[in-house]
Amino acid sequence: MQVQRVQNNNYNQTFGAKLQLRGAVEDLPKELIKEFETFTKSIGKNNDIVDIDIGRVSEITQTWSDMGHRMEMTDYIRRHNVASYVNGKLEQRRIISNANGDKADDVKNLGEKIIGYLEELITTK
């Protein structure tokens, strides 16, 4: 039995980018992490990298007065820093997701924003 070298084969030479997760990774369910990994396997080659820094929940309170009444509104958001080095091109972006509501809504919104970015990488690279 002979083993052919990989460079002589014309099939399946794209292995997909490596995913690096940092930041508040403990807030992500395992299913969402697996979904991120599945998307990154469709991007680039094995020496490409997609780095996602999951932001912690930040509280932003706005205060204003209207007709003698003081009002406050608090928003909870996450700022994610995403960088990709695919096909020799470095791209960096900040993605903001809404963290208002319960944990399920926060994770759903976070997942939609990051997956939207990964889908964009697949279609443009």
PDB file of N, CA and C in Angstrom:
ATOM      1  N   MET A   1       0.839  -1.182   0.000  1.00  0.00           N
ATOM      2  CA  MET A   1       0.000   0.000   0.000  1.00  0.00           C
ATOM      3  C   MET A   1       0.884   1.245   0.000  1.00  0.00           C
ATOM      4  N   GLN A   2       0.577   2.184  -0.887  1.00  0.00           N
ATOM      5  CA  GLN A   2       1.325   3.429  -0.979  1.00  0.00           C
ATOM      6  C   GLN A   2       0.483   4.591  -0.476  1.00  0.00           C
ATOM      7  N   VAL A   3       1.132   5.500   0.204  1.00  0.00           N
ATOM      8  CA  VAL A   3       0.448   6.691   0.705  1.00  0.00           C
ATOM      9  C   VAL A   3       0.879   7.873  -0.142  1.00  0.00           C
ATOM     10  N   GLN A   4      -0.107   8.576  -0.728  1.00  0.00           N
ATOM     11  CA  GLN A   4       0.213   9.743  -1.536  1.00  0.00           C
ATOM     12  C   GLN A   4       0.397  10.955  -0.644  1.00  0.00           C
ATOM     13  N   ARG A   5       1.286  11.832  -1.081  1.00  0.00           N
ATOM     14  CA  ARG A   5       1.482  13.074  -0.344  1.00  0.00           C
ATOM     15  C   ARG A   5       0.274  13.980  -0.532  1.00  0.00           C
ATOM     16  N   VAL A   6      -0.028  14.785   0.477  1.00  0.00           N
ATOM     17  CA  VAL A   6      -1.195  15.671   0.431  1.00  0.00           C
ATOM     18  C   VAL A   6      -1.077  16.653  -0.721  1.00  0.00           C
ATOM     19  N   GLN A   7       0.099  17.176  -0.999  1.00  0.00           N
ATOM     20  CA  GLN A   7       0.231  18.184  -2.049  1.00  0.00           C
ATOM     21  C   GLN A   7      -0.051  17.629  -3.434  1.00  0.00           C
ATOM     22  N   ASN A   8      -0.011  16.329  -3.610  1.00  0.00           N
ATOM     23  CA  ASN A   8      -0.313  15.730  -4.913  1.00  0.00           C
ATOM     24  C   ASN A   8      -1.799  15.497  -5.111  1.00  0.00           C
ATOM     25  N   ASN A   9      -2.563  15.569  -4.045  1.00  0.00           N
ATOM     26  CA  ASN A   9      -4.007  15.373  -4.148  1.00  0.00           C
ATOM     27  C   ASN A   9      -4.668  16.705  -4.453  1.00  0.00           C
ATOM     28  N   ASN A  10      -5.618  16.722  -5.343  1.00  0.00           N
ATOM     29  CA  ASN A  10      -6.306  17.958  -5.703  1.00  0.00           C
ATOM     30  C   ASN A  10      -7.628  18.122  -4.973  1.00  0.00           C
ATOM     31  N   TYR A  11      -7.887  17.309  -4.007  1.00  0.00           N
ATOM     32  CA  TYR A  11      -9.152  17.401  -3.294  1.00  0.00           C
ATOM     33  C   TYR A  11      -8.904  17.670  -1.814  1.00  0.00           C
ATOM     34  N   ASN A  12      -9.857  18.356  -1.201  1.00  0.00           N
ATOM     35  CA  ASN A  12      -9.882  18.594   0.239  1.00  0.00           C
ATOM     36  C   ASN A  12      -8.584  19.192   0.788  1.00  0.00           C
ATOM     37  N   GLN A  13      -8.064  20.198   0.143  1.00  0.00           N
ATOM     38  CA  GLN A  13      -6.878  20.855   0.672  1.00  0.00           C
ATOM     39  C   GLN A  13      -7.233  22.043   1.560  1.00  0.00           C
ATOM     40  N   THR A  14      -8.477  22.414   1.629  1.00  0.00           N
ATOM     41  CA  THR A  14      -8.908  23.501   2.492  1.00  0.00           C
ATOM     42  C   THR A  14      -9.420  22.893   3.795  1.00  0.00           C
ATOM     43  N   PHE A  15      -8.754  23.229   4.875  1.00  0.00           N
ATOM     44  CA  PHE A  15      -9.110  22.658   6.164  1.00  0.00           C
ATOM     45  C   PHE A  15      -9.932  23.607   7.017  1.00  0.00           C
ATOM     46  N   GLY A  16      -9.955  24.869   6.682  1.00  0.00           N
ATOM     47  CA  GLY A  16     -10.735  25.845   7.430  1.00  0.00           C
ATOM     48  C   GLY A  16      -9.904  26.611   8.431  1.00  0.00           C
ATOM     49  N   ALA A  17     -10.364  27.812   8.735  1.00  0.00           N
ATOM     50  CA  ALA A  17      -9.663  28.703   9.661  1.00  0.00           C
ATOM     51  C   ALA A  17      -9.758  28.184  11.093  1.00  0.00           C
ATOM     52  N   LYS A  18      -8.803  28.595  11.907  1.00  0.00           N
ATOM     53  CA  LYS A  18      -8.811  28.259  13.333  1.00  0.00           C
ATOM     54  C   LYS A  18      -9.628  29.315  14.067  1.00  0.00           C
ATOM     55  N   LEU A  19     -10.401  28.873  15.032  1.00  0.00           N
ATOM     56  CA  LEU A  19     -11.210  29.777  15.851  1.00  0.00           C
ATOM     57  C   LEU A  19     -10.524  29.986  17.190  1.00  0.00           C
ATOM     58  N   GLN A  20     -10.354  31.250  17.565  1.00  0.00           N
ATOM     59  CA  GLN A  20      -9.827  31.601  18.885  1.00  0.00           C
ATOM     60  C   GLN A  20     -10.896  32.404  19.610  1.00  0.00           C
ATOM     61  N   LEU A  21     -11.337  31.905  20.765  1.00  0.00           N
ATOM     62  CA  LEU A  21     -12.325  32.614  21.578  1.00  0.00           C
ATOM     63  C   LEU A  21     -11.652  33.133  22.841  1.00  0.00           C
ATOM     64  N   ARG A  22     -11.937  34.395  23.169  1.00  0.00           N
ATOM     65  CA  ARG A  22     -11.397  35.019  24.374  1.00  0.00           C
ATOM     66  C   ARG A  22     -12.506  35.793  25.057  1.00  0.00           C
ATOM     67  N   GLY A  23     -12.216  36.315  26.218  1.00  0.00           N
ATOM     68  CA  GLY A  23     -13.167  37.172  26.921  1.00  0.00           C
ATOM     69  C   GLY A  23     -14.165  36.375  27.740  1.00  0.00           C
ATOM     70  N   ALA A  24     -15.427  36.769  27.672  1.00  0.00           N
ATOM     71  CA  ALA A  24     -16.489  36.175  28.485  1.00  0.00           C
ATOM     72  C   ALA A  24     -17.023  34.893  27.847  1.00  0.00           C
ATOM     73  N   VAL A  25     -16.134  33.968  27.555  1.00  0.00           N
ATOM     74  CA  VAL A  25     -16.511  32.707  26.904  1.00  0.00           C
ATOM     75  C   VAL A  25     -17.410  31.873  27.811  1.00  0.00           C
ATOM     76  N   GLU A  26     -17.269  32.044  29.127  1.00  0.00           N
ATOM     77  CA  GLU A  26     -18.096  31.270  30.069  1.00  0.00           C
ATOM     78  C   GLU A  26     -19.579  31.601  29.929  1.00  0.00           C
ATOM     79  N   ASP A  27     -19.922  32.714  29.301  1.00  0.00           N
ATOM     80  CA  ASP A  27     -21.321  33.085  29.089  1.00  0.00           C
ATOM     81  C   ASP A  27     -21.952  32.364  27.895  1.00  0.00           C
ATOM     82  N   LEU A  28     -21.136  31.680  27.088  1.00  0.00           N
ATOM     83  CA  LEU A  28     -21.634  31.027  25.871  1.00  0.00           C
ATOM     84  C   LEU A  28     -21.978  29.565  26.128  1.00  0.00           C
ATOM     85  N   PRO A  29     -23.130  29.114  25.623  1.00  0.00           N
ATOM     86  CA  PRO A  29     -23.420  27.681  25.701  1.00  0.00           C
ATOM     87  C   PRO A  29     -22.542  26.899  24.719  1.00  0.00           C
ATOM     88  N   LYS A  30     -22.290  25.645  25.037  1.00  0.00           N
ATOM     89  CA  LYS A  30     -21.424  24.810  24.191  1.00  0.00           C
ATOM     90  C   LYS A  30     -21.956  24.685  22.767  1.00  0.00           C
ATOM     91  N   GLU A  31     -23.278  24.671  22.607  1.00  0.00           N
ATOM     92  CA  GLU A  31     -23.874  24.543  21.267  1.00  0.00           C
ATOM     93  C   GLU A  31     -23.500  25.737  20.391  1.00  0.00           C
ATOM     94  N   LEU A  32     -23.477  26.933  20.983  1.00  0.00           N
ATOM     95  CA  LEU A  32     -23.136  28.135  20.226  1.00  0.00           C
ATOM     96  C   LEU A  32     -21.661  28.124  19.835  1.00  0.00           C
ATOM     97  N   ILE A  33     -20.799  27.663  20.727  1.00  0.00           N
ATOM     98  CA  ILE A  33     -19.378  27.549  20.412  1.00  0.00           C
ATOM     99  C   ILE A  33     -19.169  26.573  19.257  1.00  0.00           C
ATOM    100  N   LYS A  34     -19.880  25.444  19.285  1.00  0.00           N
ATOM    101  CA  LYS A  34     -19.784  24.466  18.193  1.00  0.00           C
ATOM    102  C   LYS A  34     -20.268  25.068  16.876  1.00  0.00           C
ATOM    103  N   GLU A  35     -21.304  25.903  16.938  1.00  0.00           N
ATOM    104  CA  GLU A  35     -21.814  26.567  15.735  1.00  0.00           C
ATOM    105  C   GLU A  35     -20.767  27.535  15.173  1.00  0.00           C
ATOM    106  N   PHE A  36     -20.100  28.280  16.050  1.00  0.00           N
ATOM    107  CA  PHE A  36     -19.010  29.158  15.610  1.00  0.00           C
ATOM    108  C   PHE A  36     -17.917  28.344  14.929  1.00  0.00           C
ATOM    109  N   GLU A  37     -17.549  27.199  15.525  1.00  0.00           N
ATOM    110  CA  GLU A  37     -16.504  26.345  14.960  1.00  0.00           C
ATOM    111  C   GLU A  37     -16.901  25.816  13.587  1.00  0.00           C
ATOM    112  N   THR A  38     -18.166  25.438  13.423  1.00  0.00           N
ATOM    113  CA  THR A  38     -18.656  24.941  12.137  1.00  0.00           C
ATOM    114  C   THR A  38     -18.523  26.010  11.058  1.00  0.00           C
ATOM    115  N   PHE A  39     -18.885  27.231  11.384  1.00  0.00           N
ATOM    116  CA  PHE A  39     -18.773  28.324  10.411  1.00  0.00           C
ATOM    117  C   PHE A  39     -17.324  28.597  10.046  1.00  0.00           C
ATOM    118  N   THR A  40     -16.420  28.588  11.038  1.00  0.00           N
ATOM    119  CA  THR A  40     -15.026  28.909  10.732  1.00  0.00           C
ATOM    120  C   THR A  40     -14.360  27.824   9.893  1.00  0.00           C
ATOM    121  N   LYS A  41     -14.865  26.604   9.952  1.00  0.00           N
ATOM    122  CA  LYS A  41     -14.317  25.537   9.106  1.00  0.00           C
ATOM    123  C   LYS A  41     -14.611  25.798   7.630  1.00  0.00           C
ATOM    124  N   SER A  42     -15.589  26.641   7.348  1.00  0.00           N
ATOM    125  CA  SER A  42     -15.943  26.983   5.964  1.00  0.00           C
ATOM    126  C   SER A  42     -15.176  28.194   5.454  1.00  0.00           C
ATOM    127  N   ILE A  43     -14.305  28.750   6.290  1.00  0.00           N
ATOM    128  CA  ILE A  43     -13.589  29.975   5.937  1.00  0.00           C
ATOM    129  C   ILE A  43     -12.110  29.664   5.753  1.00  0.00           C
ATOM    130  N   GLY A  44     -11.565  30.042   4.625  1.00  0.00           N
ATOM    131  CA  GLY A  44     -10.122  30.035   4.413  1.00  0.00           C
ATOM    132  C   GLY A  44      -9.443  28.687   4.503  1.00  0.00           C
ATOM    133  N   LYS A  45      -8.169  28.750   4.846  1.00  0.00           N
ATOM    134  CA  LYS A  45      -7.318  27.569   4.925  1.00  0.00           C
ATOM    135  C   LYS A  45      -6.870  27.351   6.363  1.00  0.00           C
ATOM    136  N   ASN A  46      -6.100  26.291   6.585  1.00  0.00           N
ATOM    137  CA  ASN A  46      -5.727  25.942   7.957  1.00  0.00           C
ATOM    138  C   ASN A  46      -4.752  26.923   8.599  1.00  0.00           C
ATOM    139  N   ASN A  47      -4.146  27.831   7.853  1.00  0.00           N
ATOM    140  CA  ASN A  47      -3.261  28.827   8.468  1.00  0.00           C
ATOM    141  C   ASN A  47      -3.973  30.159   8.696  1.00  0.00           C
ATOM    142  N   ASP A  48      -5.281  30.225   8.437  1.00  0.00           N
ATOM    143  CA  ASP A  48      -6.078  31.431   8.685  1.00  0.00           C
ATOM    144  C   ASP A  48      -6.663  31.378  10.097  1.00  0.00           C
ATOM    145  N   ILE A  49      -6.961  32.557  10.644  1.00  0.00           N
ATOM    146  CA  ILE A  49      -7.429  32.658  12.031  1.00  0.00           C
ATOM    147  C   ILE A  49      -8.635  33.591  12.105  1.00  0.00           C
ATOM    148  N   VAL A  50      -9.617  33.202  12.906  1.00  0.00           N
ATOM    149  CA  VAL A  50     -10.725  34.082  13.276  1.00  0.00           C
ATOM    150  C   VAL A  50     -10.678  34.195  14.799  1.00  0.00           C
ATOM    151  N   ASP A  51     -10.457  35.406  15.288  1.00  0.00           N
ATOM    152  CA  ASP A  51     -10.303  35.658  16.721  1.00  0.00           C
ATOM    153  C   ASP A  51     -11.515  36.459  17.196  1.00  0.00           C
ATOM    154  N   ILE A  52     -12.244  35.918  18.175  1.00  0.00           N
ATOM    155  CA  ILE A  52     -13.439  36.587  18.697  1.00  0.00           C
ATOM    156  C   ILE A  52     -13.247  36.825  20.185  1.00  0.00           C
ATOM    157  N   ASP A  53     -13.298  38.098  20.575  1.00  0.00           N
ATOM    158  CA  ASP A  53     -13.205  38.486  21.978  1.00  0.00           C
ATOM    159  C   ASP A  53     -14.622  38.821  22.433  1.00  0.00           C
ATOM    160  N   ILE A  54     -15.233  37.920  23.194  1.00  0.00           N
ATOM    161  CA  ILE A  54     -16.609  38.096  23.668  1.00  0.00           C
ATOM    162  C   ILE A  54     -16.596  39.122  24.799  1.00  0.00           C
ATOM    163  N   GLY A  55     -17.353  40.194  24.623  1.00  0.00           N
ATOM    164  CA  GLY A  55     -17.380  41.267  25.618  1.00  0.00           C
ATOM    165  C   GLY A  55     -18.229  40.926  26.822  1.00  0.00           C
ATOM    166  N   ARG A  56     -17.888  41.523  27.915  1.00  0.00           N
ATOM    167  CA  ARG A  56     -18.695  41.393  29.130  1.00  0.00           C
ATOM    168  C   ARG A  56     -19.865  42.379  29.032  1.00  0.00           C
ATOM    169  N   VAL A  57     -20.905  42.128  29.799  1.00  0.00           N
ATOM    170  CA  VAL A  57     -22.077  43.002  29.778  1.00  0.00           C
ATOM    171  C   VAL A  57     -21.715  44.343  30.403  1.00  0.00           C
ATOM    172  N   SER A  58     -21.995  45.419  29.666  1.00  0.00           N
ATOM    173  CA  SER A  58     -21.770  46.786  30.153  1.00  0.00           C
ATOM    174  C   SER A  58     -23.115  47.456  30.385  1.00  0.00           C
ATOM    175  N   GLU A  59     -23.165  48.305  31.385  1.00  0.00           N
ATOM    176  CA  GLU A  59     -24.387  49.029  31.725  1.00  0.00           C
ATOM    177  C   GLU A  59     -24.218  50.490  31.330  1.00  0.00           C
ATOM    178  N   ILE A  60     -25.137  50.996  30.530  1.00  0.00           N
ATOM    179  CA  ILE A  60     -25.110  52.393  30.114  1.00  0.00           C
ATOM    180  C   ILE A  60     -26.435  53.027  30.527  1.00  0.00           C
ATOM    181  N   THR A  61     -26.346  54.022  31.413  1.00  0.00           N
ATOM    182  CA  THR A  61     -27.547  54.691  31.910  1.00  0.00           C
ATOM    183  C   THR A  61     -27.611  56.101  31.340  1.00  0.00           C
ATOM    184  N   GLN A  62     -28.750  56.423  30.753  1.00  0.00           N
ATOM    185  CA  GLN A  62     -28.995  57.767  30.225  1.00  0.00           C
ATOM    186  C   GLN A  62     -30.008  58.454  31.135  1.00  0.00           C
ATOM    187  N   THR A  63     -29.720  59.697  31.458  1.00  0.00           N
ATOM    188  CA  THR A  63     -30.617  60.473  32.313  1.00  0.00           C
ATOM    189  C   THR A  63     -31.020  61.740  31.572  1.00  0.00           C
ATOM    190  N   TRP A  64     -32.296  62.066  31.626  1.00  0.00           N
ATOM    191  CA  TRP A  64     -32.767  63.306  31.020  1.00  0.00           C
ATOM    192  C   TRP A  64     -33.998  63.795  31.776  1.00  0.00           C
ATOM    193  N   SER A  65     -34.302  65.061  31.577  1.00  0.00           N
ATOM    194  CA  SER A  65     -35.468  65.671  32.223  1.00  0.00           C
ATOM    195  C   SER A  65     -36.426  66.154  31.155  1.00  0.00           C
ATOM    196  N   ASP A  66     -37.696  65.957  31.403  1.00  0.00           N
ATOM    197  CA  ASP A  66     -38.718  66.391  30.470  1.00  0.00           C
ATOM    198  C   ASP A  66     -39.895  66.919  31.287  1.00  0.00           C
ATOM    199  N   MET A  67     -40.182  68.199  31.135  1.00  0.00           N
ATOM    200  CA  MET A  67     -41.306  68.849  31.819  1.00  0.00           C
ATOM    201  C   MET A  67     -41.244  68.622  33.333  1.00  0.00           C
ATOM    202  N   GLY A  68     -40.051  68.788  33.892  1.00  0.00           N
ATOM    203  CA  GLY A  68     -39.898  68.696  35.340  1.00  0.00           C
ATOM    204  C   GLY A  68     -39.763  67.287  35.883  1.00  0.00           C
ATOM    205  N   HIS A  69     -39.824  66.292  35.037  1.00  0.00           N
ATOM    206  CA  HIS A  69     -39.679  64.905  35.496  1.00  0.00           C
ATOM    207  C   HIS A  69     -38.311  64.375  35.068  1.00  0.00           C
ATOM    208  N   ARG A  70     -37.629  63.800  36.010  1.00  0.00           N
ATOM    209  CA  ARG A  70     -36.324  63.213  35.709  1.00  0.00           C
ATOM    210  C   ARG A  70     -36.525  61.750  35.342  1.00  0.00           C
ATOM    211  N   MET A  71     -35.932  61.353  34.225  1.00  0.00           N
ATOM    212  CA  MET A  71     -36.089  59.971  33.766  1.00  0.00           C
ATOM    213  C   MET A  71     -34.725  59.339  33.530  1.00  0.00           C
ATOM    214  N   GLU A  72     -34.658  58.044  33.747  1.00  0.00           N
ATOM    215  CA  GLU A  72     -33.443  57.284  33.489  1.00  0.00           C
ATOM    216  C   GLU A  72     -33.795  56.052  32.677  1.00  0.00           C
ATOM    217  N   MET A  73     -32.882  55.695  31.797  1.00  0.00           N
ATOM    218  CA  MET A  73     -33.051  54.463  31.024  1.00  0.00           C
ATOM    219  C   MET A  73     -31.694  53.756  31.015  1.00  0.00           C
ATOM    220  N   THR A  74     -31.694  52.486  31.346  1.00  0.00           N
ATOM    221  CA  THR A  74     -30.456  51.718  31.393  1.00  0.00           C
ATOM    222  C   THR A  74     -30.475  50.665  30.293  1.00  0.00           C
ATOM    223  N   ASP A  75     -29.425  50.660  29.496  1.00  0.00           N
ATOM    224  CA  ASP A  75     -29.234  49.640  28.469  1.00  0.00           C
ATOM    225  C   ASP A  75     -28.074  48.754  28.877  1.00  0.00           C
ATOM    226  N   TYR A  76     -28.207  47.483  28.570  1.00  0.00           N
ATOM    227  CA  TYR A  76     -27.134  46.527  28.804  1.00  0.00           C
ATOM    228  C   TYR A  76     -26.661  46.047  27.436  1.00  0.00           C
ATOM    229  N   ILE A  77     -25.385  46.230  27.171  1.00  0.00           N
ATOM    230  CA  ILE A  77     -24.842  45.857  25.868  1.00  0.00           C
ATOM    231  C   ILE A  77     -23.539  45.086  26.054  1.00  0.00           C
ATOM    232  N   ARG A  78     -23.127  44.433  24.981  1.00  0.00           N
ATOM    233  CA  ARG A  78     -21.816  43.775  24.929  1.00  0.00           C
ATOM    234  C   ARG A  78     -21.082  44.315  23.717  1.00  0.00           C
ATOM    235  N   ARG A  79     -19.809  44.574  23.888  1.00  0.00           N
ATOM    236  CA  ARG A  79     -18.957  44.987  22.770  1.00  0.00           C
ATOM    237  C   ARG A  79     -17.985  43.853  22.489  1.00  0.00           C
ATOM    238  N   HIS A  80     -18.055  43.311  21.287  1.00  0.00           N
ATOM    239  CA  HIS A  80     -17.194  42.200  20.898  1.00  0.00           C
ATOM    240  C   HIS A  80     -16.156  42.702  19.899  1.00  0.00           C
ATOM    241  N   ASN A  81     -14.919  42.357  20.122  1.00  0.00           N
ATOM    242  CA  ASN A  81     -13.864  42.686  19.171  1.00  0.00           C
ATOM    243  C   ASN A  81     -13.579  41.435  18.354  1.00  0.00           C
ATOM    244  N   VAL A  82     -13.676  41.563  17.049  1.00  0.00           N
ATOM    245  CA  VAL A  82     -13.492  40.432  16.156  1.00  0.00           C
ATOM    246  C   VAL A  82     -12.380  40.776  15.170  1.00  0.00           C
ATOM    247  N   ALA A  83     -11.468  39.849  14.991  1.00  0.00           N
ATOM    248  CA  ALA A  83     -10.399  40.022  14.012  1.00  0.00           C
ATOM    249  C   ALA A  83     -10.291  38.741  13.203  1.00  0.00           C
ATOM    250  N   SER A  84     -10.011  38.896  11.927  1.00  0.00           N
ATOM    251  CA  SER A  84      -9.811  37.716  11.082  1.00  0.00           C
ATOM    252  C   SER A  84      -8.600  37.951  10.197  1.00  0.00           C
ATOM    253  N   TYR A  85      -7.819  36.917  10.062  1.00  0.00           N
ATOM    254  CA  TYR A  85      -6.703  36.922   9.119  1.00  0.00           C
ATOM    255  C   TYR A  85      -6.984  35.779   8.158  1.00  0.00           C
ATOM    256  N   VAL A  86      -7.584  36.126   7.019  1.00  0.00           N
ATOM    257  CA  VAL A  86      -8.018  35.135   6.042  1.00  0.00           C
ATOM    258  C   VAL A  86      -7.461  35.515   4.680  1.00  0.00           C
ATOM    259  N   ASN A  87      -6.849  34.532   4.031  1.00  0.00           N
ATOM    260  CA  ASN A  87      -6.264  34.720   2.699  1.00  0.00           C
ATOM    261  C   ASN A  87      -5.313  35.916   2.644  1.00  0.00           C
ATOM    262  N   GLY A  88      -4.517  36.082   3.704  1.00  0.00           N
ATOM    263  CA  GLY A  88      -3.522  37.144   3.723  1.00  0.00           C
ATOM    264  C   GLY A  88      -4.054  38.527   4.033  1.00  0.00           C
ATOM    265  N   LYS A  89      -5.323  38.636   4.407  1.00  0.00           N
ATOM    266  CA  LYS A  89      -5.926  39.943   4.680  1.00  0.00           C
ATOM    267  C   LYS A  89      -6.388  40.008   6.132  1.00  0.00           C
ATOM    268  N   LEU A  90      -5.928  41.034   6.846  1.00  0.00           N
ATOM    269  CA  LEU A  90      -6.325  41.249   8.228  1.00  0.00           C
ATOM    270  C   LEU A  90      -7.509  42.202   8.269  1.00  0.00           C
ATOM    271  N   GLU A  91      -8.538  41.830   9.008  1.00  0.00           N
ATOM    272  CA  GLU A  91      -9.715  42.687   9.176  1.00  0.00           C
ATOM    273  C   GLU A  91     -10.091  42.688  10.644  1.00  0.00           C
ATOM    274  N   GLN A  92     -10.370  43.882  11.185  1.00  0.00           N
ATOM    275  CA  GLN A  92     -10.797  44.017  12.566  1.00  0.00           C
ATOM    276  C   GLN A  92     -12.110  44.782  12.618  1.00  0.00           C
ATOM    277  N   ARG A  93     -12.943  44.393  13.568  1.00  0.00           N
ATOM    278  CA  ARG A  93     -14.251  45.034  13.677  1.00  0.00           C
ATOM    279  C   ARG A  93     -14.744  44.947  15.119  1.00  0.00           C
ATOM    280  N   ARG A  94     -15.548  45.917  15.500  1.00  0.00           N
ATOM    281  CA  ARG A  94     -16.230  45.862  16.790  1.00  0.00           C
ATOM    282  C   ARG A  94     -17.701  45.597  16.517  1.00  0.00           C
ATOM    283  N   ILE A  95     -18.241  44.610  17.186  1.00  0.00           N
ATOM    284  CA  ILE A  95     -19.652  44.245  17.025  1.00  0.00           C
ATOM    285  C   ILE A  95     -20.333  44.482  18.367  1.00  0.00           C
ATOM    286  N   ILE A  96     -21.452  45.182  18.348  1.00  0.00           N
ATOM    287  CA  ILE A  96     -22.190  45.468  19.577  1.00  0.00           C
ATOM    288  C   ILE A  96     -23.486  44.673  19.563  1.00  0.00           C
ATOM    289  N   SER A  97     -23.736  43.948  20.650  1.00  0.00           N
ATOM    290  CA  SER A  97     -24.990  43.199  20.754  1.00  0.00           C
ATOM    291  C   SER A  97     -25.753  43.675  21.980  1.00  0.00           C
ATOM    292  N   ASN A  98     -27.067  43.606  21.890  1.00  0.00           N
ATOM    293  CA  ASN A  98     -27.968  44.028  22.947  1.00  0.00           C
ATOM    294  C   ASN A  98     -28.032  42.929  24.002  1.00  0.00           C
ATOM    295  N   ALA A  99     -27.805  43.289  25.257  1.00  0.00           N
ATOM    296  CA  ALA A  99     -27.875  42.315  26.344  1.00  0.00           C
ATOM    297  C   ALA A  99     -29.045  42.593  27.280  1.00  0.00           C
ATOM    298  N   ASN A 100     -30.008  43.406  26.827  1.00  0.00           N
ATOM    299  CA  ASN A 100     -31.199  43.671  27.644  1.00  0.00           C
ATOM    300  C   ASN A 100     -32.039  42.401  27.736  1.00  0.00           C
ATOM    301  N   GLY A 101     -32.772  42.288  28.804  1.00  0.00           N
ATOM    302  CA  GLY A 101     -33.639  41.127  28.960  1.00  0.00           C
ATOM    303  C   GLY A 101     -32.932  40.012  29.707  1.00  0.00           C
ATOM    304  N   ASP A 102     -33.392  38.793  29.462  1.00  0.00           N
ATOM    305  CA  ASP A 102     -32.829  37.659  30.193  1.00  0.00           C
ATOM    306  C   ASP A 102     -31.622  37.065  29.464  1.00  0.00           C
ATOM    307  N   LYS A 103     -31.002  36.075  30.076  1.00  0.00           N
ATOM    308  CA  LYS A 103     -29.788  35.464  29.541  1.00  0.00           C
ATOM    309  C   LYS A 103     -30.026  34.837  28.171  1.00  0.00           C
ATOM    310  N   ALA A 104     -31.187  34.226  27.959  1.00  0.00           N
ATOM    311  CA  ALA A 104     -31.476  33.583  26.670  1.00  0.00           C
ATOM    312  C   ALA A 104     -31.497  34.610  25.541  1.00  0.00           C
ATOM    313  N   ASP A 105     -32.125  35.766  25.785  1.00  0.00           N
ATOM    314  CA  ASP A 105     -32.157  36.827  24.768  1.00  0.00           C
ATOM    315  C   ASP A 105     -30.762  37.376  24.503  1.00  0.00           C
ATOM    316  N   ASP A 106     -29.973  37.511  25.557  1.00  0.00           N
ATOM    317  CA  ASP A 106     -28.600  38.010  25.423  1.00  0.00           C
ATOM    318  C   ASP A 106     -27.781  37.063  24.534  1.00  0.00           C
ATOM    319  N   VAL A 107     -27.823  35.775  24.825  1.00  0.00           N
ATOM    320  CA  VAL A 107     -27.050  34.782  24.060  1.00  0.00           C
ATOM    321  C   VAL A 107     -27.557  34.697  22.626  1.00  0.00           C
ATOM    322  N   LYS A 108     -28.872  34.790  22.430  1.00  0.00           N
ATOM    323  CA  LYS A 108     -29.443  34.739  21.077  1.00  0.00           C
ATOM    324  C   LYS A 108     -28.950  35.931  20.255  1.00  0.00           C
ATOM    325  N   ASN A 109     -29.003  37.128  20.833  1.00  0.00           N
ATOM    326  CA  ASN A 109     -28.568  38.323  20.128  1.00  0.00           C
ATOM    327  C   ASN A 109     -27.070  38.272  19.840  1.00  0.00           C
ATOM    328  N   LEU A 110     -26.287  37.851  20.823  1.00  0.00           N
ATOM    329  CA  LEU A 110     -24.844  37.718  20.665  1.00  0.00           C
ATOM    330  C   LEU A 110     -24.528  36.737  19.531  1.00  0.00           C
ATOM    331  N   GLY A 111     -25.190  35.573  19.541  1.00  0.00           N
ATOM    332  CA  GLY A 111     -24.964  34.559  18.505  1.00  0.00           C
ATOM    333  C   GLY A 111     -25.321  35.054  17.116  1.00  0.00           C
ATOM    334  N   GLU A 112     -26.453  35.751  16.989  1.00  0.00           N
ATOM    335  CA  GLU A 112     -26.870  36.272  15.681  1.00  0.00           C
ATOM    336  C   GLU A 112     -25.855  37.258  15.125  1.00  0.00           C
ATOM    337  N   LYS A 113     -25.326  38.130  15.968  1.00  0.00           N
ATOM    338  CA  LYS A 113     -24.355  39.138  15.509  1.00  0.00           C
ATOM    339  C   LYS A 113     -23.051  38.478  15.051  1.00  0.00           C
ATOM    340  N   ILE A 114     -22.528  37.544  15.845  1.00  0.00           N
ATOM    341  CA  ILE A 114     -21.257  36.896  15.505  1.00  0.00           C
ATOM    342  C   ILE A 114     -21.427  35.997  14.281  1.00  0.00           C
ATOM    343  N   ILE A 115     -22.519  35.237  14.216  1.00  0.00           N
ATOM    344  CA  ILE A 115     -22.757  34.361  13.058  1.00  0.00           C
ATOM    345  C   ILE A 115     -22.961  35.197  11.804  1.00  0.00           C
ATOM    346  N   GLY A 116     -23.613  36.348  11.918  1.00  0.00           N
ATOM    347  CA  GLY A 116     -23.752  37.248  10.773  1.00  0.00           C
ATOM    348  C   GLY A 116     -22.393  37.675  10.242  1.00  0.00           C
ATOM    349  N   TYR A 117     -21.464  37.971  11.147  1.00  0.00           N
ATOM    350  CA  TYR A 117     -20.108  38.338  10.739  1.00  0.00           C
ATOM    351  C   TYR A 117     -19.420  37.156  10.055  1.00  0.00           C
ATOM    352  N   LEU A 118     -19.543  35.961  10.623  1.00  0.00           N
ATOM    353  CA  LEU A 118     -18.906  34.781  10.032  1.00  0.00           C
ATOM    354  C   LEU A 118     -19.494  34.458   8.659  1.00  0.00           C
ATOM    355  N   GLU A 119     -20.810  34.599   8.506  1.00  0.00           N
ATOM    356  CA  GLU A 119     -21.442  34.379   7.196  1.00  0.00           C
ATOM    357  C   GLU A 119     -20.911  35.380   6.170  1.00  0.00           C
ATOM    358  N   GLU A 120     -20.714  36.612   6.622  1.00  0.00           N
ATOM    359  CA  GLU A 120     -20.156  37.637   5.737  1.00  0.00           C
ATOM    360  C   GLU A 120     -18.739  37.257   5.297  1.00  0.00           C
ATOM    361  N   LEU A 121     -17.953  36.709   6.215  1.00  0.00           N
ATOM    362  CA  LEU A 121     -16.600  36.251   5.866  1.00  0.00           C
ATOM    363  C   LEU A 121     -16.645  35.131   4.834  1.00  0.00           C
ATOM    364  N   ILE A 122     -17.597  34.220   4.987  1.00  0.00           N
ATOM    365  CA  ILE A 122     -17.699  33.095   4.045  1.00  0.00           C
ATOM    366  C   ILE A 122     -18.033  33.595   2.644  1.00  0.00           C
ATOM    367  N   THR A 123     -18.943  34.546   2.553  1.00  0.00           N
ATOM    368  CA  THR A 123     -19.380  35.001   1.232  1.00  0.00           C
ATOM    369  C   THR A 123     -18.388  35.944   0.565  1.00  0.00           C
ATOM    370  N   THR A 124     -17.544  36.633   1.360  1.00  0.00           N
ATOM    371  CA  THR A 124     -16.619  37.590   0.748  1.00  0.00           C
ATOM    372  C   THR A 124     -15.222  37.033   0.526  1.00  0.00           C
ATOM    373  N   LYS A 125     -14.869  35.936   1.161  1.00  0.00           N
ATOM    374  CA  LYS A 125     -13.504  35.398   1.038  1.00  0.00           C
ATOM    375  C   LYS A 125     -13.447  34.274   0.038  1.00  0.00           C
TER     376      LYS A 125
END
